[in-house]
Amino acid sequence: MTGASVLFDAPGPRGRRRNAILAVVTALVFAAILGWVVWKFAAADQFEPAKWEPFLTANLWTTYVLPGIEGTLTAAAVSIVLALVLGCALGIGRLSPVRAVSWACAVFVEFFRAVPVLIMMLFSYALFAQYNVFASQYLALAGVITGLTLYNSAVIAEIVRTGVHALPRGQAEAASALGLTWGQSMRSIQLPQAITSMLPVLISQMVVVLKDTAIGYQITFVEMVRQGQSIGSAYGNYIPALLVIAALMIALNFALSAFATRLEARLRRSKKGPAPVPKSAVQDTPVV
């Protein structure tokens, strides 16, 4: 039995023909839907050159697009750094032998994993505005970063915990036999090895952070989606504007996703360290 047929029966000649027919039918249906969408856009004059000409001017890019890209990347970068620091601390805290620390981190993680990101952004924005925590021009940015940091740090905490649990138990037992404390074992032995299995999932979570910055338009944060709407309102070309913004977002996310996929493939080919942790294992882990 070959490795390719361990999990399912290899189709015979009739099955391969059926699969080929289904693939062709699916491609035709998708092409028909895409053609219908293009036809509807054309009927609404969305492909008229006049609606796309503004994107050939420097004023549109400097006024709308580039500030949106800057806002998106700024919020994503700051949120990623803060979420990594807080998430690693919470993940290690959940593994702590001190029961009070472990449960406190568990309550924090489970609470902020359950609260929608938009709710946290709205609450943070209102709280900061009421108590004048930040200057008015930074309120929306602070609300977006707070919401993204709290939610993603909770997810990263589970990634860290799952990555450490994926290690063989002999690692911790060997460290204990050498006389190392729990903290020394975690810092010198377990975490360095777990990083190998955690990296692909961590990078995938960074893609989620980048995409979730678009939610910030609800609190007037200047990011790419909001700027796309502003372009449509100013130039009367909502569809072209959103298509351009979508293309830019796809390009950014595709670059990060391609990097994550390449890194994961490299880690799987490597004989060093455990296999990468699947994201489903992180999402389904219960409270311990």
C-alpha atoms as a PDB file:
ATOM      1  CA  MET A   1       0.000   0.000   0.000  1.00  0.00           C
ATOM      2  CA  THR A   2       1.461   3.344  -0.989  1.00  0.00           C
ATOM      3  CA  GLY A   3       1.517   6.429   1.227  1.00  0.00           C
ATOM      4  CA  ALA A   4      -0.859   8.196  -1.145  1.00  0.00           C
ATOM      5  CA  SER A   5      -3.627   5.650  -0.573  1.00  0.00           C
ATOM      6  CA  VAL A   6      -3.330   5.208   3.204  1.00  0.00           C
ATOM      7  CA  LEU A   7      -6.149   7.598   4.069  1.00  0.00           C
ATOM      8  CA  PHE A   8      -8.469   6.896   1.123  1.00  0.00           C
ATOM      9  CA  ASP A   9      -9.019   4.393  -1.670  1.00  0.00           C
ATOM     10  CA  ALA A  10      -7.341   5.415  -4.903  1.00  0.00           C
ATOM     11  CA  PRO A  11     -10.046   5.911  -7.571  1.00  0.00           C
ATOM     12  CA  GLY A  12     -10.207   3.524 -10.472  1.00  0.00           C
ATOM     13  CA  PRO A  13     -10.657   4.459 -14.149  1.00  0.00           C
ATOM     14  CA  ARG A  14     -14.350   5.227 -13.679  1.00  0.00           C
ATOM     15  CA  GLY A  15     -13.684   7.287 -10.581  1.00  0.00           C
ATOM     16  CA  ARG A  16     -10.949   9.277 -12.322  1.00  0.00           C
ATOM     17  CA  ARG A  17     -13.296  10.027 -15.219  1.00  0.00           C
ATOM     18  CA  ARG A  18     -15.997  11.140 -12.802  1.00  0.00           C
ATOM     19  CA  ASN A  19     -13.545  13.376 -10.953  1.00  0.00           C
ATOM     20  CA  ALA A  20     -12.368  14.885 -14.241  1.00  0.00           C
ATOM     21  CA  ILE A  21     -15.953  15.598 -15.307  1.00  0.00           C
ATOM     22  CA  LEU A  22     -16.751  17.199 -11.940  1.00  0.00           C
ATOM     23  CA  ALA A  23     -13.625  19.338 -12.175  1.00  0.00           C
ATOM     24  CA  VAL A  24     -14.600  20.568 -15.650  1.00  0.00           C
ATOM     25  CA  VAL A  25     -18.196  21.283 -14.549  1.00  0.00           C
ATOM     26  CA  THR A  26     -16.952  23.187 -11.484  1.00  0.00           C
ATOM     27  CA  ALA A  27     -14.578  25.261 -13.615  1.00  0.00           C
ATOM     28  CA  LEU A  28     -17.381  26.066 -16.072  1.00  0.00           C
ATOM     29  CA  VAL A  29     -19.762  27.099 -13.287  1.00  0.00           C
ATOM     30  CA  PHE A  30     -17.095  29.319 -11.738  1.00  0.00           C
ATOM     31  CA  ALA A  31     -16.311  30.863 -15.133  1.00  0.00           C
ATOM     32  CA  ALA A  32     -20.040  31.482 -15.718  1.00  0.00           C
ATOM     33  CA  ILE A  33     -20.415  33.217 -12.331  1.00  0.00           C
ATOM     34  CA  LEU A  34     -17.320  35.318 -12.980  1.00  0.00           C
ATOM     35  CA  GLY A  35     -18.624  36.236 -16.445  1.00  0.00           C
ATOM     36  CA  TRP A  36     -21.993  37.239 -14.997  1.00  0.00           C
ATOM     37  CA  VAL A  37     -20.284  39.486 -12.413  1.00  0.00           C
ATOM     38  CA  VAL A  38     -18.134  41.118 -15.106  1.00  0.00           C
ATOM     39  CA  TRP A  39     -21.202  41.623 -17.309  1.00  0.00           C
ATOM     40  CA  LYS A  40     -23.121  43.293 -14.458  1.00  0.00           C
ATOM     41  CA  PHE A  41     -20.182  45.593 -13.761  1.00  0.00           C
ATOM     42  CA  ALA A  42     -19.934  46.472 -17.440  1.00  0.00           C
ATOM     43  CA  ALA A  43     -23.679  47.155 -17.612  1.00  0.00           C
ATOM     44  CA  ALA A  44     -23.279  49.582 -14.698  1.00  0.00           C
ATOM     45  CA  ASP A  45     -20.446  51.364 -16.550  1.00  0.00           C
ATOM     46  CA  GLN A  46     -17.944  50.346 -13.882  1.00  0.00           C
ATOM     47  CA  PHE A  47     -15.286  49.588 -16.500  1.00  0.00           C
ATOM     48  CA  GLU A  48     -15.493  52.992 -18.128  1.00  0.00           C
ATOM     49  CA  PRO A  49     -11.996  54.536 -18.458  1.00  0.00           C
ATOM     50  CA  ALA A  50     -13.163  57.659 -16.626  1.00  0.00           C
ATOM     51  CA  LYS A  51     -13.753  55.654 -13.441  1.00  0.00           C
ATOM     52  CA  TRP A  52     -10.215  54.227 -13.503  1.00  0.00           C
ATOM     53  CA  GLU A  53      -8.344  57.349 -14.572  1.00  0.00           C
ATOM     54  CA  PRO A  54      -8.098  58.774 -11.005  1.00  0.00           C
ATOM     55  CA  PHE A  55      -5.830  55.863 -10.082  1.00  0.00           C
ATOM     56  CA  LEU A  56      -3.316  57.147 -12.616  1.00  0.00           C
ATOM     57  CA  THR A  57      -2.927  60.414 -10.713  1.00  0.00           C
ATOM     58  CA  ALA A  58      -0.444  60.933  -7.892  1.00  0.00           C
ATOM     59  CA  ASN A  59      -2.956  62.987  -5.899  1.00  0.00           C
ATOM     60  CA  LEU A  60      -5.288  60.033  -5.312  1.00  0.00           C
ATOM     61  CA  TRP A  61      -2.471  57.809  -4.066  1.00  0.00           C
ATOM     62  CA  THR A  62      -0.930  60.401  -1.762  1.00  0.00           C
ATOM     63  CA  THR A  63      -4.297  61.573  -0.412  1.00  0.00           C
ATOM     64  CA  TYR A  64      -6.105  58.262   0.016  1.00  0.00           C
ATOM     65  CA  VAL A  65      -4.264  55.035  -0.782  1.00  0.00           C
ATOM     66  CA  LEU A  66      -0.850  55.593   0.811  1.00  0.00           C
ATOM     67  CA  PRO A  67      -2.286  56.917   4.126  1.00  0.00           C
ATOM     68  CA  GLY A  68      -4.557  53.857   4.187  1.00  0.00           C
ATOM     69  CA  ILE A  69      -1.625  51.504   3.619  1.00  0.00           C
ATOM     70  CA  GLU A  70       0.379  53.334   6.274  1.00  0.00           C
ATOM     71  CA  GLY A  71      -2.462  53.046   8.787  1.00  0.00           C
ATOM     72  CA  THR A  72      -2.978  49.353   8.066  1.00  0.00           C
ATOM     73  CA  LEU A  73       0.708  48.468   8.335  1.00  0.00           C
ATOM     74  CA  THR A  74       1.220  50.617  11.447  1.00  0.00           C
ATOM     75  CA  ALA A  75      -1.693  49.072  13.330  1.00  0.00           C
ATOM     76  CA  ALA A  76      -0.725  45.573  12.209  1.00  0.00           C
ATOM     77  CA  ALA A  77       2.970  45.961  13.113  1.00  0.00           C
ATOM     78  CA  VAL A  78       2.341  47.399  16.591  1.00  0.00           C
ATOM     79  CA  SER A  79      -0.417  44.861  17.303  1.00  0.00           C
ATOM     80  CA  ILE A  80       1.782  41.964  16.197  1.00  0.00           C
ATOM     81  CA  VAL A  81       4.669  42.996  18.476  1.00  0.00           C
ATOM     82  CA  LEU A  82       2.421  43.579  21.492  1.00  0.00           C
ATOM     83  CA  ALA A  83       0.406  40.407  20.874  1.00  0.00           C
ATOM     84  CA  LEU A  84       3.574  38.319  20.594  1.00  0.00           C
ATOM     85  CA  VAL A  85       4.983  39.656  23.863  1.00  0.00           C
ATOM     86  CA  LEU A  86       1.706  39.378  25.794  1.00  0.00           C
ATOM     87  CA  GLY A  87       0.767  36.068  24.155  1.00  0.00           C
ATOM     88  CA  CYS A  88       4.090  34.423  25.011  1.00  0.00           C
ATOM     89  CA  ALA A  89       3.795  35.626  28.611  1.00  0.00           C
ATOM     90  CA  LEU A  90       0.234  34.297  28.876  1.00  0.00           C
ATOM     91  CA  GLY A  91       1.148  31.001  27.220  1.00  0.00           C
ATOM     92  CA  ILE A  92       4.027  30.435  29.602  1.00  0.00           C
ATOM     93  CA  GLY A  93       1.795  31.529  32.475  1.00  0.00           C
ATOM     94  CA  ARG A  94      -0.773  28.884  31.555  1.00  0.00           C
ATOM     95  CA  LEU A  95       1.986  26.274  31.808  1.00  0.00           C
ATOM     96  CA  SER A  96       3.167  27.562  35.183  1.00  0.00           C
ATOM     97  CA  PRO A  97       3.201  25.059  38.073  1.00  0.00           C
ATOM     98  CA  VAL A  98       1.767  27.837  40.276  1.00  0.00           C
ATOM     99  CA  ARG A  99      -1.945  27.125  40.096  1.00  0.00           C
ATOM    100  CA  ALA A 100      -3.064  30.716  40.742  1.00  0.00           C
ATOM    101  CA  VAL A 101      -0.940  32.028  37.873  1.00  0.00           C
ATOM    102  CA  SER A 102      -2.103  29.257  35.553  1.00  0.00           C
ATOM    103  CA  TRP A 103      -5.798  29.864  36.222  1.00  0.00           C
ATOM    104  CA  ALA A 104      -5.491  33.655  36.005  1.00  0.00           C
ATOM    105  CA  CYS A 105      -3.879  33.334  32.576  1.00  0.00           C
ATOM    106  CA  ALA A 106      -6.481  30.765  31.540  1.00  0.00           C
ATOM    107  CA  VAL A 107      -9.357  33.102  32.466  1.00  0.00           C
ATOM    108  CA  PHE A 108      -7.742  35.976  30.542  1.00  0.00           C
ATOM    109  CA  VAL A 109      -7.142  33.814  27.464  1.00  0.00           C
ATOM    110  CA  GLU A 110     -10.578  32.232  27.342  1.00  0.00           C
ATOM    111  CA  PHE A 111     -12.354  35.538  27.925  1.00  0.00           C
ATOM    112  CA  PHE A 112     -10.606  37.469  25.173  1.00  0.00           C
ATOM    113  CA  ARG A 113     -10.816  34.541  22.756  1.00  0.00           C
ATOM    114  CA  ALA A 114     -14.595  34.645  23.176  1.00  0.00           C
ATOM    115  CA  VAL A 115     -15.118  38.412  22.760  1.00  0.00           C
ATOM    116  CA  PRO A 116     -15.382  39.651  19.129  1.00  0.00           C
ATOM    117  CA  VAL A 117     -12.558  41.911  17.994  1.00  0.00           C
ATOM    118  CA  LEU A 118     -14.990  44.665  16.961  1.00  0.00           C
ATOM    119  CA  ILE A 119     -16.518  44.773  20.447  1.00  0.00           C
ATOM    120  CA  MET A 120     -13.068  45.201  21.980  1.00  0.00           C
ATOM    121  CA  MET A 121     -12.218  47.960  19.512  1.00  0.00           C
ATOM    122  CA  LEU A 122     -15.449  49.842  20.190  1.00  0.00           C
ATOM    123  CA  PHE A 123     -15.094  49.487  23.955  1.00  0.00           C
ATOM    124  CA  SER A 124     -11.432  50.572  23.926  1.00  0.00           C
ATOM    125  CA  TYR A 125     -12.180  53.533  21.681  1.00  0.00           C
ATOM    126  CA  ALA A 126     -15.043  54.720  23.924  1.00  0.00           C
ATOM    127  CA  LEU A 127     -13.001  54.191  27.092  1.00  0.00           C
ATOM    128  CA  PHE A 128      -9.971  56.074  25.799  1.00  0.00           C
ATOM    129  CA  ALA A 129     -12.162  58.930  24.549  1.00  0.00           C
ATOM    130  CA  GLN A 130     -14.068  59.257  27.820  1.00  0.00           C
ATOM    131  CA  TYR A 131     -10.945  59.484  29.979  1.00  0.00           C
ATOM    132  CA  ASN A 132      -8.730  61.337  27.467  1.00  0.00           C
ATOM    133  CA  VAL A 133      -6.112  58.593  27.552  1.00  0.00           C
ATOM    134  CA  PHE A 134      -4.795  59.481  24.088  1.00  0.00           C
ATOM    135  CA  ALA A 135      -4.857  62.571  21.915  1.00  0.00           C
ATOM    136  CA  SER A 136      -7.855  62.724  19.604  1.00  0.00           C
ATOM    137  CA  GLN A 137      -5.830  61.964  16.469  1.00  0.00           C
ATOM    138  CA  TYR A 138      -4.588  58.717  18.020  1.00  0.00           C
ATOM    139  CA  LEU A 139      -7.837  57.471  19.560  1.00  0.00           C
ATOM    140  CA  ALA A 140      -8.865  55.284  16.622  1.00  0.00           C
ATOM    141  CA  LEU A 141      -5.370  53.828  16.241  1.00  0.00           C
ATOM    142  CA  ALA A 142      -5.219  53.038  19.962  1.00  0.00           C
ATOM    143  CA  GLY A 143      -8.627  51.370  19.842  1.00  0.00           C
ATOM    144  CA  VAL A 144      -7.646  49.185  16.880  1.00  0.00           C
ATOM    145  CA  ILE A 145      -4.318  48.188  18.424  1.00  0.00           C
ATOM    146  CA  THR A 146      -5.927  47.399  21.780  1.00  0.00           C
ATOM    147  CA  GLY A 147      -8.612  45.189  20.264  1.00  0.00           C
ATOM    148  CA  LEU A 148      -6.190  43.337  17.996  1.00  0.00           C
ATOM    149  CA  THR A 149      -3.616  42.913  20.769  1.00  0.00           C
ATOM    150  CA  LEU A 150      -6.028  41.498  23.326  1.00  0.00           C
ATOM    151  CA  TYR A 151      -7.644  39.015  20.955  1.00  0.00           C
ATOM    152  CA  ASN A 152      -4.512  37.835  19.186  1.00  0.00           C
ATOM    153  CA  SER A 153      -2.470  37.586  22.380  1.00  0.00           C
ATOM    154  CA  ALA A 154      -5.074  35.124  23.654  1.00  0.00           C
ATOM    155  CA  VAL A 155      -4.746  33.073  20.467  1.00  0.00           C
ATOM    156  CA  ILE A 156      -0.940  33.218  20.555  1.00  0.00           C
ATOM    157  CA  ALA A 157      -1.009  32.063  24.182  1.00  0.00           C
ATOM    158  CA  GLU A 158      -2.790  28.905  23.034  1.00  0.00           C
ATOM    159  CA  ILE A 159      -0.273  28.477  20.214  1.00  0.00           C
ATOM    160  CA  VAL A 160       2.580  28.654  22.726  1.00  0.00           C
ATOM    161  CA  ARG A 161       0.886  26.242  25.107  1.00  0.00           C
ATOM    162  CA  THR A 162       0.109  23.779  22.321  1.00  0.00           C
ATOM    163  CA  GLY A 163       3.640  24.023  20.935  1.00  0.00           C
ATOM    164  CA  VAL A 164       5.187  23.193  24.297  1.00  0.00           C
ATOM    165  CA  HIS A 165       2.722  20.350  24.903  1.00  0.00           C
ATOM    166  CA  ALA A 166       3.650  18.913  21.490  1.00  0.00           C
ATOM    167  CA  LEU A 167       7.188  18.248  22.706  1.00  0.00           C
ATOM    168  CA  PRO A 168       8.049  14.751  23.997  1.00  0.00           C
ATOM    169  CA  ARG A 169       7.608  14.482  27.752  1.00  0.00           C
ATOM    170  CA  GLY A 170      11.169  13.277  28.019  1.00  0.00           C
ATOM    171  CA  GLN A 171      12.424  16.808  27.436  1.00  0.00           C
ATOM    172  CA  ALA A 172      10.977  18.116  30.706  1.00  0.00           C
ATOM    173  CA  GLU A 173      11.875  14.928  32.552  1.00  0.00           C
ATOM    174  CA  ALA A 174      15.478  15.118  31.403  1.00  0.00           C
ATOM    175  CA  ALA A 175      15.681  18.749  32.493  1.00  0.00           C
ATOM    176  CA  SER A 176      14.286  17.839  35.898  1.00  0.00           C
ATOM    177  CA  ALA A 177      16.809  14.996  36.210  1.00  0.00           C
ATOM    178  CA  LEU A 178      19.604  17.496  35.519  1.00  0.00           C
ATOM    179  CA  GLY A 179      18.385  19.624  38.407  1.00  0.00           C
ATOM    180  CA  LEU A 180      16.963  22.468  36.336  1.00  0.00           C
ATOM    181  CA  THR A 181      14.043  24.435  37.708  1.00  0.00           C
ATOM    182  CA  TRP A 182      10.780  24.771  35.777  1.00  0.00           C
ATOM    183  CA  GLY A 183      11.749  28.230  34.586  1.00  0.00           C
ATOM    184  CA  GLN A 184      15.219  27.124  33.475  1.00  0.00           C
ATOM    185  CA  SER A 185      13.775  24.125  31.648  1.00  0.00           C
ATOM    186  CA  MET A 186      11.164  26.255  29.901  1.00  0.00           C
ATOM    187  CA  ARG A 187      13.637  28.976  28.918  1.00  0.00           C
ATOM    188  CA  SER A 188      16.604  26.811  27.896  1.00  0.00           C
ATOM    189  CA  ILE A 189      15.093  23.566  26.593  1.00  0.00           C
ATOM    190  CA  GLN A 190      11.379  23.526  25.862  1.00  0.00           C
ATOM    191  CA  LEU A 191      10.669  26.963  24.370  1.00  0.00           C
ATOM    192  CA  PRO A 192      13.616  26.936  21.907  1.00  0.00           C
ATOM    193  CA  GLN A 193      12.427  23.591  20.522  1.00  0.00           C
ATOM    194  CA  ALA A 194       8.760  24.565  20.522  1.00  0.00           C
ATOM    195  CA  ILE A 195       9.499  27.676  18.443  1.00  0.00           C
ATOM    196  CA  THR A 196      10.137  25.388  15.458  1.00  0.00           C
ATOM    197  CA  SER A 197       6.629  23.947  15.627  1.00  0.00           C
ATOM    198  CA  MET A 198       4.970  27.259  16.483  1.00  0.00           C
ATOM    199  CA  LEU A 199       6.421  29.457  13.737  1.00  0.00           C
ATOM    200  CA  PRO A 200       4.068  28.517  10.857  1.00  0.00           C
ATOM    201  CA  VAL A 201       0.952  28.998  12.989  1.00  0.00           C
ATOM    202  CA  LEU A 202       2.301  32.244  14.428  1.00  0.00           C
ATOM    203  CA  ILE A 203       2.946  33.624  10.962  1.00  0.00           C
ATOM    204  CA  SER A 204      -0.557  32.592   9.878  1.00  0.00           C
ATOM    205  CA  GLN A 205      -1.931  34.492  12.867  1.00  0.00           C
ATOM    206  CA  MET A 206      -0.008  37.559  11.725  1.00  0.00           C
ATOM    207  CA  VAL A 207      -1.933  37.376   8.449  1.00  0.00           C
ATOM    208  CA  VAL A 208      -5.148  37.421  10.491  1.00  0.00           C
ATOM    209  CA  VAL A 209      -3.952  40.541  12.330  1.00  0.00           C
ATOM    210  CA  LEU A 210      -3.260  42.308   9.041  1.00  0.00           C
ATOM    211  CA  LYS A 211      -6.725  41.488   7.689  1.00  0.00           C
ATOM    212  CA  ASP A 212      -8.522  42.403  10.905  1.00  0.00           C
ATOM    213  CA  THR A 213      -7.200  45.965  10.774  1.00  0.00           C
ATOM    214  CA  ALA A 214      -9.992  46.544   8.233  1.00  0.00           C
ATOM    215  CA  ILE A 215     -12.510  46.284  11.079  1.00  0.00           C
ATOM    216  CA  GLY A 216     -11.135  49.573  12.366  1.00  0.00           C
ATOM    217  CA  TYR A 217     -13.159  51.558   9.832  1.00  0.00           C
ATOM    218  CA  GLN A 218     -16.058  51.204  12.271  1.00  0.00           C
ATOM    219  CA  ILE A 219     -14.273  53.568  14.663  1.00  0.00           C
ATOM    220  CA  THR A 220     -13.108  55.982  11.921  1.00  0.00           C
ATOM    221  CA  PHE A 221      -9.610  54.519  11.755  1.00  0.00           C
ATOM    222  CA  VAL A 222      -7.816  55.488   8.548  1.00  0.00           C
ATOM    223  CA  GLU A 223      -6.988  52.150   6.931  1.00  0.00           C
ATOM    224  CA  MET A 224      -7.225  50.690   3.443  1.00  0.00           C
ATOM    225  CA  VAL A 225     -10.903  49.717   3.368  1.00  0.00           C
ATOM    226  CA  ARG A 226     -12.050  53.068   4.764  1.00  0.00           C
ATOM    227  CA  GLN A 227      -9.867  54.875   2.260  1.00  0.00           C
ATOM    228  CA  GLY A 228     -11.351  52.797  -0.542  1.00  0.00           C
ATOM    229  CA  GLN A 229     -14.804  53.976   0.507  1.00  0.00           C
ATOM    230  CA  SER A 230     -13.551  57.562   0.624  1.00  0.00           C
ATOM    231  CA  ILE A 231     -12.203  57.222  -2.923  1.00  0.00           C
ATOM    232  CA  GLY A 232     -15.548  55.890  -4.131  1.00  0.00           C
ATOM    233  CA  SER A 233     -17.390  58.753  -2.469  1.00  0.00           C
ATOM    234  CA  ALA A 234     -15.034  61.399  -3.856  1.00  0.00           C
ATOM    235  CA  TYR A 235     -14.776  60.101  -7.423  1.00  0.00           C
ATOM    236  CA  GLY A 236     -18.045  58.183  -7.794  1.00  0.00           C
ATOM    237  CA  ASN A 237     -16.243  54.904  -8.578  1.00  0.00           C
ATOM    238  CA  TYR A 238     -16.974  52.624  -5.624  1.00  0.00           C
ATOM    239  CA  ILE A 239     -16.483  49.349  -7.502  1.00  0.00           C
ATOM    240  CA  PRO A 240     -13.105  50.253  -9.085  1.00  0.00           C
ATOM    241  CA  ALA A 241     -11.917  51.730  -5.779  1.00  0.00           C
ATOM    242  CA  LEU A 242     -12.831  48.639  -3.779  1.00  0.00           C
ATOM    243  CA  LEU A 243     -11.338  46.377  -6.450  1.00  0.00           C
ATOM    244  CA  VAL A 244      -8.027  48.229  -6.240  1.00  0.00           C
ATOM    245  CA  ILE A 245      -8.041  48.122  -2.435  1.00  0.00           C
ATOM    246  CA  ALA A 246      -8.934  44.423  -2.527  1.00  0.00           C
ATOM    247  CA  ALA A 247      -6.039  43.767  -4.897  1.00  0.00           C
ATOM    248  CA  LEU A 248      -3.640  45.568  -2.549  1.00  0.00           C
ATOM    249  CA  MET A 249      -4.916  43.643   0.483  1.00  0.00           C
ATOM    250  CA  ILE A 250      -4.682  40.358  -1.392  1.00  0.00           C
ATOM    251  CA  ALA A 251      -1.113  41.168  -2.418  1.00  0.00           C
ATOM    252  CA  LEU A 252      -0.074  41.869   1.179  1.00  0.00           C
ATOM    253  CA  ASN A 253      -1.832  38.805   2.576  1.00  0.00           C
ATOM    254  CA  PHE A 254      -0.597  36.575  -0.228  1.00  0.00           C
ATOM    255  CA  ALA A 255       2.986  37.632   0.455  1.00  0.00           C
ATOM    256  CA  LEU A 256       2.648  36.742   4.148  1.00  0.00           C
ATOM    257  CA  SER A 257       0.770  33.506   3.396  1.00  0.00           C
ATOM    258  CA  ALA A 258       3.352  32.433   0.819  1.00  0.00           C
ATOM    259  CA  PHE A 259       6.118  33.081   3.325  1.00  0.00           C
ATOM    260  CA  ALA A 260       4.285  31.035   5.973  1.00  0.00           C
ATOM    261  CA  THR A 261       3.686  28.151   3.569  1.00  0.00           C
ATOM    262  CA  ARG A 262       7.306  28.116   2.431  1.00  0.00           C
ATOM    263  CA  LEU A 263       8.544  28.223   6.006  1.00  0.00           C
ATOM    264  CA  GLU A 264       6.219  25.398   7.047  1.00  0.00           C
ATOM    265  CA  ALA A 265       7.364  23.249   4.129  1.00  0.00           C
ATOM    266  CA  ARG A 266      10.967  23.891   5.065  1.00  0.00           C
ATOM    267  CA  LEU A 267      10.304  22.950   8.675  1.00  0.00           C
ATOM    268  CA  ARG A 268       8.541  19.742   7.634  1.00  0.00           C
ATOM    269  CA  ARG A 269      11.541  18.731   5.521  1.00  0.00           C
ATOM    270  CA  SER A 270      13.896  19.453   8.381  1.00  0.00           C
ATOM    271  CA  LYS A 271      14.747  16.700  10.799  1.00  0.00           C
ATOM    272  CA  LYS A 272      15.255  19.164  13.634  1.00  0.00           C
ATOM    273  CA  GLY A 273      12.462  19.665  16.125  1.00  0.00           C
ATOM    274  CA  PRO A 274       8.840  18.464  16.094  1.00  0.00           C
ATOM    275  CA  ALA A 275       6.360  18.849  13.285  1.00  0.00           C
ATOM    276  CA  PRO A 276       4.550  22.201  13.002  1.00  0.00           C
ATOM    277  CA  VAL A 277       1.438  22.533  15.154  1.00  0.00           C
ATOM    278  CA  PRO A 278      -1.847  22.593  13.165  1.00  0.00           C
ATOM    279  CA  LYS A 279      -4.016  25.648  13.804  1.00  0.00           C
ATOM    280  CA  SER A 280      -7.076  23.462  14.440  1.00  0.00           C
ATOM    281  CA  ALA A 281      -5.345  22.075  17.511  1.00  0.00           C
ATOM    282  CA  VAL A 282      -5.016  25.609  18.876  1.00  0.00           C
ATOM    283  CA  GLN A 283      -8.626  26.568  18.229  1.00  0.00           C
ATOM    284  CA  ASP A 284     -10.066  23.434  19.817  1.00  0.00           C
ATOM    285  CA  THR A 285      -7.967  23.258  22.984  1.00  0.00           C
ATOM    286  CA  PRO A 286     -10.080  23.272  26.154  1.00  0.00           C
ATOM    287  CA  VAL A 287      -9.309  25.126  29.378  1.00  0.00           C
ATOM    288  CA  VAL A 288      -6.839  23.240  31.605  1.00  0.00           C
END
